[in-house]
C-alpha cells in the first residue's frame, strides 16, 4: 500500500493482537455483562473494569484502550437514550462537556502514541496501571465520604458544598443554566472539566470515573443526573477516539469489542434500570467498591512492568506471585457488581409483588404486540453478524493494522467505517437486548415511585402504594 503512512512508527503490529479461544471468549462475555451493568448503574463507561480486565488476559494496553473506546461509545448511546427517557440526562451539560472532551481525547491519544513510541507496549501498560492506582483511590475516597454522610443523616444524597460555593462566587460570564441538573454555573467550569475527562478517556480509556464525580462535586449535579449525562459525553468521546485510534495506531480489536458488547448491551440496560430502585448515594457506594478492588489488581501488575523495562530488579517468584493475583482480583471486582445492582432491584420488585402493585409500578414497554417477532428478527441479524466476524478472526487483525499504513484519505474512510460498524452492531444487538429485557419485564420503575425510594428508601414504597390504592397516583401513570 503506497503513500505516506497515516500512523507512522506508533502503529500496532499484527502480532500484538491475542488469539481468542473459548476461555478468552467466555471471560470477555462475563466482563462485558458485569462491566455493562456497572456502567449503566453509575453512568461511567465501565472502563476502569473493562480495560484492566482485557489487560489481565494479555491484551496490550493500547489495544485494550482503543477496543474499549470502540465498545463504550455505542453502548453509551444505548444507555444515554434510556437515561434520557427517565429524565436522568442533562442535554446542555452533555454538549458542553463533550465539546471540550473532544480536544482532550485528541491530546490524550497523542500522549499515548508518544509513550508507545518511546517505551513500547510495556511502557503503555505501566502508564495505564499507574494512572489507575493514583486516581481511582482518590475518587473512591470522595464517594465513600459522601456515602457515610448520607447514611448517617438519613438523606437521599450529600449536596456538594464546593459546587454551591462555585455557583455563588465563580460567576464569570457566560453563566449557563442546567435545567435537569438544577444548577447555574459558569461555562469556564465545564471547559477544563470536559478536557480532563476526554484526556483520561483517551490515555487510559476511562473518563466516566472522572466525569461523573466532576459533574457531582464541581457542577453540582445530582448523582443520577451526572451518571446519565456522562453516558451522553462518553458517546461523543468514544466515537471520535475510536476514529483516531484506528487512523493513527490501528489498535481497535473489534473481536474484543463485539464479545464485550454481546453481554454489556444487556448489562448496561439492567444497570440503568437499577438506578430507579435505589437511593442515590448507593450509586457512589457501588463506584467506590469496584474502584478499590480494581486498584489492587493494577497495583499487583506494576512491579512486573518495571522489571520488564529494566527499571528495577525483583525476585522472579515475587513478580509471579503478584501477577497471579491480577486476574482473580479482576474477577472479584466483576462479581461485586451483581449484589449491588440486583439485590435492591429484586427486593423492591418482591415487595411490590407482595403488595399486589408490581405491574402498576413498572414502565410498560410499547411494542404494540410485535415483541416476539422483533426479538427473533434481531437475534437472527445478531447471530449472522458474529458468524461473519469470527469465521476468520485474523481477517479483522489484518484489516485494522493496515489502516495506519494506507494513504491518508483511504485511512480516514476506513476509520470512519469502523465507527459506523460499531454503531450498526450496537443498534442491532442493542435492540435484541432491549427486547429480551422487555420480555422478562426488567424495566424501570415509574418516576413517582423512583423518587419516593430515592428520598425515603424502602419506606417510600409503602407510601407510594398507599397513594395508588387510594387513587392518588393513577393520573401520573
Protein backbone atom coordinates (compact mmCIF):
# COMPACT_ATOMS: atom_id res chain seq x y z
CA UNK A 1 0.00 0.00 0.00
CA UNK A 2 1.80 3.08 -1.23
CA UNK A 3 1.68 6.63 0.05
CA UNK A 4 2.51 8.30 3.34
CA UNK A 5 1.50 6.11 6.29
CA UNK A 6 -1.27 7.56 8.45
CA UNK A 7 0.10 6.17 11.69
CA UNK A 8 3.83 6.06 11.21
CA UNK A 9 6.12 4.38 13.72
CA UNK A 10 3.48 4.26 16.50
CA UNK A 11 1.20 1.83 14.64
CA UNK A 12 0.41 -1.51 16.33
CA UNK A 13 1.84 -4.65 14.64
CA UNK A 14 -0.45 -7.67 13.98
CA UNK A 15 1.45 -9.86 16.47
CA UNK A 16 0.29 -7.59 19.32
CA UNK A 17 -3.25 -8.99 18.95
CA UNK A 18 -4.11 -12.04 21.06
CA UNK A 19 -5.71 -15.29 19.89
CA UNK A 20 -9.28 -15.57 21.19
CA UNK A 21 -10.16 -19.12 22.20
CA UNK A 22 -13.15 -20.37 24.19
CA UNK A 23 -11.65 -19.39 27.57
CA UNK A 24 -10.88 -15.86 26.43
CA UNK A 25 -14.31 -15.55 24.80
CA UNK A 26 -16.17 -16.66 27.93
CA UNK A 27 -14.17 -14.28 30.09
CA UNK A 28 -14.86 -11.37 27.72
CA UNK A 29 -18.59 -12.19 27.74
CA UNK A 30 -18.61 -12.16 31.56
CA UNK A 31 -16.50 -8.99 31.58
CA UNK A 32 -18.98 -7.32 29.25
CA UNK A 33 -22.05 -8.25 31.30
CA UNK A 34 -20.74 -7.14 34.67
CA UNK A 35 -18.93 -4.13 33.23
CA UNK A 36 -22.06 -3.11 31.34
CA UNK A 37 -24.20 -3.47 34.43
CA UNK A 38 -21.81 -1.28 36.38
CA UNK A 39 -21.68 1.22 33.52
CA UNK A 40 -25.44 1.61 33.33
CA UNK A 41 -25.70 1.88 37.11
CA UNK A 42 -23.02 4.50 37.79
CA UNK A 43 -23.01 6.26 34.41
CA UNK A 44 -19.37 5.55 33.66
CA UNK A 45 -18.23 3.72 30.56
CA UNK A 46 -17.03 0.99 32.95
CA UNK A 47 -13.50 1.24 31.58
CA UNK A 48 -11.87 1.06 34.99
CA UNK A 49 -13.10 -2.55 34.95
CA UNK A 50 -13.01 -3.34 31.23
CA UNK A 51 -9.55 -2.02 30.32
CA UNK A 52 -7.71 -3.80 33.18
CA UNK A 53 -9.90 -6.84 32.54
CA UNK A 54 -8.69 -7.12 28.95
CA UNK A 55 -5.10 -6.47 30.02
CA UNK A 56 -5.36 -9.29 32.58
CA UNK A 57 -5.70 -11.86 29.73
CA UNK A 58 -2.73 -10.47 27.81
CA UNK A 59 -4.22 -7.69 25.70
CA UNK A 60 -1.65 -4.86 25.29
CA UNK A 61 -2.60 -1.51 26.84
CA UNK A 62 -3.12 0.43 23.57
CA UNK A 63 -5.30 -2.33 22.11
CA UNK A 64 -7.36 -2.58 25.33
CA UNK A 65 -7.85 1.19 25.41
CA UNK A 66 -8.80 1.50 21.74
CA UNK A 67 -11.10 -1.54 21.81
CA UNK A 68 -12.82 -0.30 24.94
CA UNK A 69 -13.41 3.15 23.43
CA UNK A 70 -14.97 1.41 20.41
CA UNK A 71 -17.11 -0.69 22.73
CA UNK A 72 -18.24 2.06 25.06
CA UNK A 73 -19.43 4.76 22.69
CA UNK A 74 -22.25 2.77 21.03
CA UNK A 75 -23.09 1.20 24.40
CA UNK A 76 -23.17 4.69 25.91
CA UNK A 77 -25.51 5.73 23.09
CA UNK A 78 -27.95 2.98 24.12
CA UNK A 79 -27.62 3.77 27.84
CA UNK A 80 -27.89 7.55 27.33
CA UNK A 81 -31.10 7.12 25.36
CA UNK A 82 -32.68 5.10 28.14
CA UNK A 83 -31.46 7.51 30.84
CA UNK A 84 -32.81 10.49 28.88
CA UNK A 85 -36.21 8.82 28.70
CA UNK A 86 -36.35 8.65 32.51
CA UNK A 87 -35.12 12.24 32.92
CA UNK A 88 -31.56 11.45 34.03
CA UNK A 89 -29.62 13.24 31.26
CA UNK A 90 -28.93 17.00 31.06
CA UNK A 91 -28.53 17.57 27.30
CA UNK A 92 -26.98 21.04 27.62
CA UNK A 93 -24.40 19.87 30.16
CA UNK A 94 -23.57 16.84 28.00
CA UNK A 95 -23.00 19.00 24.89
CA UNK A 96 -20.71 21.49 26.66
CA UNK A 97 -18.69 18.72 28.31
CA UNK A 98 -18.42 16.84 25.04
CA UNK A 99 -17.07 19.80 23.06
CA UNK A 100 -14.04 20.26 25.34
CA UNK A 101 -13.73 16.48 25.84
CA UNK A 102 -13.08 16.03 22.10
CA UNK A 103 -9.97 18.22 22.42
CA UNK A 104 -8.89 16.24 25.49
CA UNK A 105 -9.28 12.96 23.59
CA UNK A 106 -7.00 14.10 20.77
CA UNK A 107 -4.29 15.32 23.17
CA UNK A 108 -4.57 12.11 25.19
CA UNK A 109 -4.12 9.86 22.16
CA UNK A 110 -1.04 11.89 21.17
CA UNK A 111 0.44 11.26 24.64
CA UNK A 112 -0.26 7.51 24.38
CA UNK A 113 1.35 7.35 20.95
CA UNK A 114 4.42 9.15 22.33
CA UNK A 115 4.73 6.66 25.21
CA UNK A 116 4.22 3.72 22.83
CA UNK A 117 6.92 5.02 20.51
CA UNK A 118 9.38 5.69 23.37
CA UNK A 119 8.82 2.75 25.76
CA UNK A 120 6.86 0.26 23.71
CA UNK A 121 3.78 -1.71 24.78
CA UNK A 122 5.16 -2.40 28.28
CA UNK A 123 5.57 1.34 28.84
CA UNK A 124 1.93 1.99 27.94
CA UNK A 125 0.83 -0.87 30.23
CA UNK A 126 2.80 0.71 33.07
CA UNK A 127 1.36 4.16 32.38
CA UNK A 128 -2.22 2.86 32.35
CA UNK A 129 -1.72 0.90 35.58
CA UNK A 130 -0.07 3.81 37.41
CA UNK A 131 -2.89 6.13 36.39
CA UNK A 132 -5.45 3.71 37.81
CA UNK A 133 -3.55 3.28 41.08
CA UNK A 134 -3.22 7.04 41.58
CA UNK A 135 -6.64 8.29 40.50
CA UNK A 136 -9.07 5.52 41.49
CA UNK A 137 -8.45 5.62 45.27
CA UNK A 138 -8.88 9.40 45.34
CA UNK A 139 -12.26 9.24 43.61
CA UNK A 140 -13.31 6.24 45.72
CA UNK A 141 -12.48 8.12 48.93
CA UNK A 142 -14.65 11.09 47.90
CA UNK A 143 -17.54 8.76 47.08
CA UNK A 144 -17.25 6.81 50.35
CA UNK A 145 -17.16 10.04 52.36
CA UNK A 146 -20.50 11.07 50.83
CA UNK A 147 -21.99 7.60 51.36
CA UNK A 148 -21.15 7.68 55.07
CA UNK A 149 -22.61 11.18 55.48
CA UNK A 150 -25.80 10.29 53.62
CA UNK A 151 -26.32 7.15 55.71
CA UNK A 152 -25.54 8.97 58.94
CA UNK A 153 -28.10 11.72 58.34
CA UNK A 154 -30.64 9.53 56.52
CA UNK A 155 -30.72 11.73 53.42
CA UNK A 156 -31.02 10.97 49.71
CA UNK A 157 -27.51 12.14 48.89
CA UNK A 158 -24.90 14.63 50.07
CA UNK A 159 -25.10 18.00 48.35
CA UNK A 160 -21.57 19.02 47.34
CA UNK A 161 -20.56 22.20 49.14
CA UNK A 162 -17.87 23.09 46.58
CA UNK A 163 -20.45 23.25 43.80
CA UNK A 164 -22.66 25.56 45.87
CA UNK A 165 -19.73 27.87 46.60
CA UNK A 166 -18.69 27.95 42.94
CA UNK A 167 -22.25 28.75 41.91
CA UNK A 168 -22.27 31.71 44.29
CA UNK A 169 -18.73 33.07 43.77
CA UNK A 170 -17.37 31.87 40.42
CA UNK A 171 -19.70 33.87 38.18
CA UNK A 172 -17.56 34.60 35.11
CA UNK A 173 -19.90 35.01 32.11
CA UNK A 174 -21.45 33.31 30.37
CA UNK A 175 -23.46 31.66 33.13
CA UNK A 176 -25.27 28.55 31.93
CA UNK A 177 -28.49 27.23 33.45
CA UNK A 178 -28.51 23.42 33.53
CA UNK A 179 -32.20 22.67 33.97
CA UNK A 180 -32.08 18.92 34.60
CA UNK A 181 -29.05 19.22 36.90
CA UNK A 182 -30.71 22.12 38.73
CA UNK A 183 -27.60 24.34 38.64
CA UNK A 184 -26.42 27.62 37.13
CA UNK A 185 -22.64 27.55 36.60
CA UNK A 186 -20.03 29.40 34.55
CA UNK A 187 -19.12 27.97 31.14
CA UNK A 188 -15.47 28.24 32.21
CA UNK A 189 -16.02 25.45 34.72
CA UNK A 190 -17.22 22.99 32.11
CA UNK A 191 -14.27 23.51 29.73
CA UNK A 192 -11.38 22.22 31.94
CA UNK A 193 -13.61 19.51 33.42
CA UNK A 194 -14.58 18.23 29.97
CA UNK A 195 -10.99 18.42 28.70
CA UNK A 196 -9.69 16.39 31.66
CA UNK A 197 -12.41 13.79 31.16
CA UNK A 198 -11.52 13.45 27.48
CA UNK A 199 -7.78 13.30 28.16
CA UNK A 200 -8.16 10.40 30.58
CA UNK A 201 -10.63 8.68 28.28
CA UNK A 202 -8.00 8.64 25.54
CA UNK A 203 -4.89 7.84 27.55
CA UNK A 204 -6.26 5.12 29.83
CA UNK A 205 -9.73 4.58 28.27
CA UNK A 206 -11.58 5.93 31.28
CA UNK A 207 -13.49 9.15 31.55
CA UNK A 208 -16.65 8.36 33.47
CA UNK A 209 -15.00 7.89 36.84
CA UNK A 210 -13.68 11.46 36.44
CA UNK A 211 -16.60 12.90 34.51
CA UNK A 212 -19.27 11.71 36.96
CA UNK A 213 -17.54 12.97 40.15
CA UNK A 214 -16.68 16.24 38.39
CA UNK A 215 -20.32 16.82 37.49
CA UNK A 216 -21.28 15.98 41.08
CA UNK A 217 -18.63 17.89 43.02
CA UNK A 218 -17.86 20.82 40.68
CA UNK A 219 -21.05 21.38 38.68
CA UNK A 220 -23.33 20.20 41.50
CA UNK A 221 -25.49 17.76 39.51
CA UNK A 222 -27.34 15.03 41.44
CA UNK A 223 -25.71 11.60 41.20
CA UNK A 224 -28.35 10.15 38.88
CA UNK A 225 -28.16 13.16 36.52
CA UNK A 226 -24.35 13.09 36.50
CA UNK A 227 -24.26 9.37 35.73
CA UNK A 228 -26.83 9.69 32.94
CA UNK A 229 -25.22 12.78 31.41
CA UNK A 230 -21.79 11.12 31.37
CA UNK A 231 -23.19 8.43 29.07
CA UNK A 232 -24.01 11.13 26.54
CA UNK A 233 -20.50 12.57 26.82
CA UNK A 234 -19.00 9.08 26.50
CA UNK A 235 -20.73 8.62 23.15
CA UNK A 236 -19.02 11.70 21.70
CA UNK A 237 -15.61 10.93 23.25
CA UNK A 238 -15.70 7.29 22.27
CA UNK A 239 -16.69 7.83 18.65
CA UNK A 240 -14.00 10.46 18.00
CA UNK A 241 -11.45 8.46 19.98
CA UNK A 242 -12.21 5.25 18.09
CA UNK A 243 -11.67 7.01 14.78
CA UNK A 244 -8.33 8.43 15.94
CA UNK A 245 -7.08 5.11 17.38
CA UNK A 246 -7.97 3.34 14.12
CA UNK A 247 -6.45 6.01 11.87
CA UNK A 248 -3.14 6.58 13.64
CA UNK A 249 -2.46 3.33 15.50
CA UNK A 250 -4.69 0.57 14.07
CA UNK A 251 -5.32 -0.66 17.60
CA UNK A 252 -9.09 -1.27 17.58
CA UNK A 253 -9.69 -5.00 18.06
CA UNK A 254 -13.33 -5.37 17.01
CA UNK A 255 -13.29 -9.00 18.11
CA UNK A 256 -12.80 -7.88 21.71
CA UNK A 257 -15.29 -5.05 21.23
CA UNK A 258 -18.11 -7.25 19.96
CA UNK A 259 -17.67 -10.01 22.54
CA UNK A 260 -17.91 -7.41 25.29
CA UNK A 261 -20.86 -5.74 23.54
CA UNK A 262 -22.68 -9.09 23.30
CA UNK A 263 -23.40 -9.04 27.02
CA UNK A 264 -22.71 -5.44 28.03
CA UNK A 265 -25.67 -4.15 26.00
CA UNK A 266 -27.84 -6.31 28.24
CA UNK A 267 -25.93 -5.41 31.40
CA UNK A 268 -25.98 -1.66 30.74
CA UNK A 269 -29.77 -1.65 30.44
CA UNK A 270 -30.15 -3.65 33.66
CA UNK A 271 -27.83 -1.18 35.39
CA UNK A 272 -29.68 1.85 34.02
CA UNK A 273 -32.99 0.39 35.16
CA UNK A 274 -31.42 -0.42 38.54
CA UNK A 275 -30.85 3.29 39.30
CA UNK A 276 -34.60 3.70 39.71
CA UNK A 277 -34.68 1.12 42.53
CA UNK A 278 -32.16 2.65 44.97
CA UNK A 279 -31.31 5.75 46.95
CA UNK A 280 -28.85 7.89 45.04
CA UNK A 281 -25.89 7.55 47.42
CA UNK A 282 -25.92 3.82 46.63
CA UNK A 283 -24.56 4.66 43.17
CA UNK A 284 -21.47 6.16 44.81
CA UNK A 285 -21.06 3.10 47.05
CA UNK A 286 -21.02 0.80 44.02
CA UNK A 287 -18.50 3.01 42.25
CA UNK A 288 -16.14 3.19 45.24
CA UNK A 289 -16.24 -0.55 45.97
CA UNK A 290 -15.30 -1.60 42.45
CA UNK A 291 -12.65 1.12 42.12
CA UNK A 292 -10.78 -0.04 45.22
CA UNK A 293 -10.71 -3.67 44.08
CA UNK A 294 -9.50 -2.68 40.60
CA UNK A 295 -6.80 -0.53 42.22
CA UNK A 296 -5.44 -3.60 44.00
CA UNK A 297 -5.47 -5.59 40.75
CA UNK A 298 -3.50 -2.99 38.80
CA UNK A 299 -1.08 -2.42 41.72
CA UNK A 300 -0.12 -6.09 41.57
CA UNK A 301 0.77 -5.74 37.87
CA UNK A 302 3.09 -2.72 38.23
CA UNK A 303 6.23 -4.49 39.60
CA UNK A 304 6.23 -6.86 36.62
CA UNK A 305 6.16 -3.96 34.15
CA UNK A 306 9.01 -2.20 35.99
CA UNK A 307 11.13 -5.35 35.88
CA UNK A 308 10.37 -5.87 32.18
CA UNK A 309 11.50 -2.30 31.43
CA UNK A 310 14.70 -2.90 33.41
CA UNK A 311 13.96 -0.10 35.87
CA UNK A 312 14.04 -2.31 38.96
CA UNK A 313 15.24 -5.80 39.86
CA UNK A 314 12.98 -8.10 41.84
CA UNK A 315 12.92 -11.79 42.68
CA UNK A 316 11.07 -13.67 39.97
CA UNK A 317 8.92 -15.57 42.49
CA UNK A 318 7.62 -12.27 43.91
CA UNK A 319 6.75 -10.97 40.45
CA UNK A 320 4.99 -14.25 39.60
CA UNK A 321 3.02 -14.18 42.85
CA UNK A 322 1.85 -10.62 42.26
CA UNK A 323 0.96 -11.36 38.63
CA UNK A 324 -1.07 -14.37 39.76
CA UNK A 325 -3.30 -12.02 41.81
CA UNK A 326 -4.15 -9.67 38.95
CA UNK A 327 -6.79 -11.86 37.31
CA UNK A 328 -8.55 -13.14 40.50
CA UNK A 329 -8.88 -9.57 41.78
CA UNK A 330 -10.49 -8.53 38.50
CA UNK A 331 -12.95 -11.43 38.85
CA UNK A 332 -13.77 -10.23 42.37
CA UNK A 333 -14.35 -6.68 41.06
CA UNK A 334 -16.76 -8.04 38.45
CA UNK A 335 -18.65 -10.27 40.87
CA UNK A 336 -19.06 -7.44 43.39
CA UNK A 337 -21.25 -5.56 40.92
CA UNK A 338 -24.01 -8.16 40.94
CA UNK A 339 -25.32 -7.86 44.51
CA UNK A 340 -25.06 -4.06 44.45
CA UNK A 341 -27.34 -3.79 41.41
CA UNK A 342 -29.58 -6.86 41.53
CA UNK A 343 -30.33 -7.25 45.25
CA UNK A 344 -32.06 -3.84 45.65
CA UNK A 345 -33.94 -4.45 42.39
CA UNK A 346 -35.14 -7.89 43.46
CA UNK A 347 -36.09 -6.69 46.96
CA UNK A 348 -38.19 -3.81 45.62
CA UNK A 349 -39.89 -5.97 43.00
CA UNK A 350 -40.61 -8.68 45.59
CA UNK A 351 -42.17 -6.09 47.91
CA UNK A 352 -44.30 -4.61 45.13
CA UNK A 353 -45.44 -8.09 44.04
CA UNK A 354 -46.37 -8.98 47.62
CA UNK A 355 -48.42 -5.79 47.83
CA UNK A 356 -50.09 -6.59 44.52
CA UNK A 357 -48.93 -3.50 42.59
CA UNK A 358 -45.88 -4.70 40.62
CA UNK A 359 -47.47 -4.21 37.19
CA UNK A 360 -48.67 -0.73 38.13
CA UNK A 361 -45.19 0.20 39.33
CA UNK A 362 -43.29 -0.64 36.12
CA UNK A 363 -42.85 1.42 32.97
CA UNK A 364 -44.78 -0.53 30.33
CA UNK A 365 -42.84 -1.28 27.09
CA UNK A 366 -44.58 -0.01 23.95
CA UNK A 367 -44.11 -2.74 21.33
CA UNK A 368 -47.78 -2.97 20.31
CA UNK A 369 -47.83 -6.77 20.11
CA UNK A 370 -44.71 -7.12 17.95
CA UNK A 371 -42.25 -8.01 20.71
CA UNK A 372 -41.66 -11.71 19.91
CA UNK A 373 -41.27 -11.32 16.08
CA UNK A 374 -38.99 -8.32 16.69
CA UNK A 375 -36.87 -10.35 19.11
CA UNK A 376 -36.50 -13.20 16.60
CA UNK A 377 -35.57 -10.82 13.75
CA UNK A 378 -32.82 -9.02 15.68
CA UNK A 379 -31.49 -12.25 17.17
CA UNK A 380 -31.07 -13.61 13.63
CA UNK A 381 -29.23 -10.45 12.50
CA UNK A 382 -27.03 -10.52 15.59
CA UNK A 383 -26.09 -14.20 15.09
CA UNK A 384 -25.25 -13.55 11.43
CA UNK A 385 -23.02 -10.61 12.35
CA UNK A 386 -20.99 -12.66 14.83
CA UNK A 387 -20.63 -15.54 12.38
CA UNK A 388 -19.24 -13.26 9.66
CA UNK A 389 -16.74 -11.65 12.05
CA UNK A 390 -15.42 -14.82 13.69
CA UNK A 391 -15.37 -17.29 10.81
CA UNK A 392 -11.80 -16.00 10.29
CA UNK A 393 -10.87 -13.98 13.37
CA UNK A 394 -7.47 -12.93 11.94
CA UNK A 395 -9.13 -11.21 8.98
CA UNK A 396 -10.02 -8.30 11.28
CA UNK A 397 -6.47 -8.07 12.60
CA UNK A 398 -5.11 -7.85 9.05
CA UNK A 399 -7.68 -5.18 8.17
CA UNK A 400 -7.24 -2.88 11.18
CA UNK A 401 -3.44 -2.97 11.21
CA UNK A 402 -3.40 -1.98 7.53
CA UNK A 403 -5.24 1.30 8.17
CA UNK A 404 -2.31 3.38 9.56
CA UNK A 405 -0.17 2.35 6.58
CA UNK A 406 -2.78 3.28 3.98
CA UNK A 407 -2.82 6.63 2.13
CA UNK A 408 -4.40 9.30 4.39
CA UNK A 409 -7.72 9.55 2.54
CA UNK A 410 -8.15 5.77 2.44
CA UNK A 411 -7.22 5.52 6.12
CA UNK A 412 -9.75 8.24 7.00
CA UNK A 413 -12.56 6.46 5.13
CA UNK A 414 -11.72 3.08 6.68
CA UNK A 415 -11.56 4.60 10.18
CA UNK A 416 -14.97 6.19 9.62
CA UNK A 417 -16.26 2.80 8.52
CA UNK A 418 -15.05 1.29 11.82
CA UNK A 419 -17.08 3.89 13.75
CA UNK A 420 -20.24 3.23 11.73
CA UNK A 421 -19.73 -0.53 12.01
CA UNK A 422 -19.71 -0.21 15.82
CA UNK A 423 -22.90 1.89 15.72
CA UNK A 424 -24.65 -0.57 13.39
CA UNK A 425 -23.60 -3.52 15.55
CA UNK A 426 -24.87 -1.87 18.70
CA UNK A 427 -28.21 -0.84 17.21
CA UNK A 428 -28.89 -4.37 16.00
CA UNK A 429 -27.70 -6.18 19.11
CA UNK A 430 -28.94 -3.40 21.44
CA UNK A 431 -32.45 -3.75 20.04
CA UNK A 432 -32.31 -7.51 20.58
CA UNK A 433 -31.09 -7.00 24.17
CA UNK A 434 -33.85 -4.45 24.82
CA UNK A 435 -36.48 -6.88 23.54
CA UNK A 436 -35.17 -9.68 25.77
CA UNK A 437 -35.33 -7.46 28.86
CA UNK A 438 -38.85 -6.35 27.99
CA UNK A 439 -39.89 -9.99 27.55
CA UNK A 440 -38.79 -10.75 31.12
CA UNK A 441 -40.17 -7.40 32.34
CA UNK A 442 -36.87 -5.96 33.59
CA UNK A 443 -37.96 -2.36 33.16
CA UNK A 444 -37.62 0.89 35.10
CA UNK A 445 -39.91 1.93 37.91
CA UNK A 446 -42.31 4.79 37.35
CA UNK A 447 -40.83 8.20 38.07
CA UNK A 448 -43.06 8.96 41.03
CA UNK A 449 -42.17 5.66 42.76
CA UNK A 450 -38.44 6.00 41.95
CA UNK A 451 -38.44 9.46 43.56
CA UNK A 452 -40.13 8.11 46.69
CA UNK A 453 -37.49 5.38 47.02
CA UNK A 454 -34.67 7.86 46.38
CA UNK A 455 -35.98 10.21 49.08
CA UNK A 456 -37.12 7.74 51.76
CA UNK A 457 -35.72 4.31 50.92
CA UNK A 458 -37.98 1.29 51.27
CA UNK A 459 -40.39 3.31 53.42
CA UNK A 460 -41.22 5.29 50.29
CA UNK A 461 -42.62 2.13 48.67
CA UNK A 462 -45.41 1.78 51.21
CA UNK A 463 -46.20 5.50 50.97
CA UNK A 464 -46.47 5.22 47.18
CA UNK A 465 -48.59 2.05 47.37
CA UNK A 466 -50.99 3.75 49.75
CA UNK A 467 -51.43 6.65 47.32
CA UNK A 468 -52.02 4.23 44.41
CA UNK A 469 -54.63 2.24 46.27
CA UNK A 470 -56.40 5.44 47.27
CA UNK A 471 -56.44 6.52 43.62
CA UNK A 472 -53.98 9.40 44.10
CA UNK A 473 -51.32 8.16 41.68
CA UNK A 474 -53.44 6.93 38.81
CA UNK A 475 -53.19 10.23 37.00
CA UNK A 476 -49.44 10.07 36.85
CA UNK A 477 -49.29 6.67 35.17
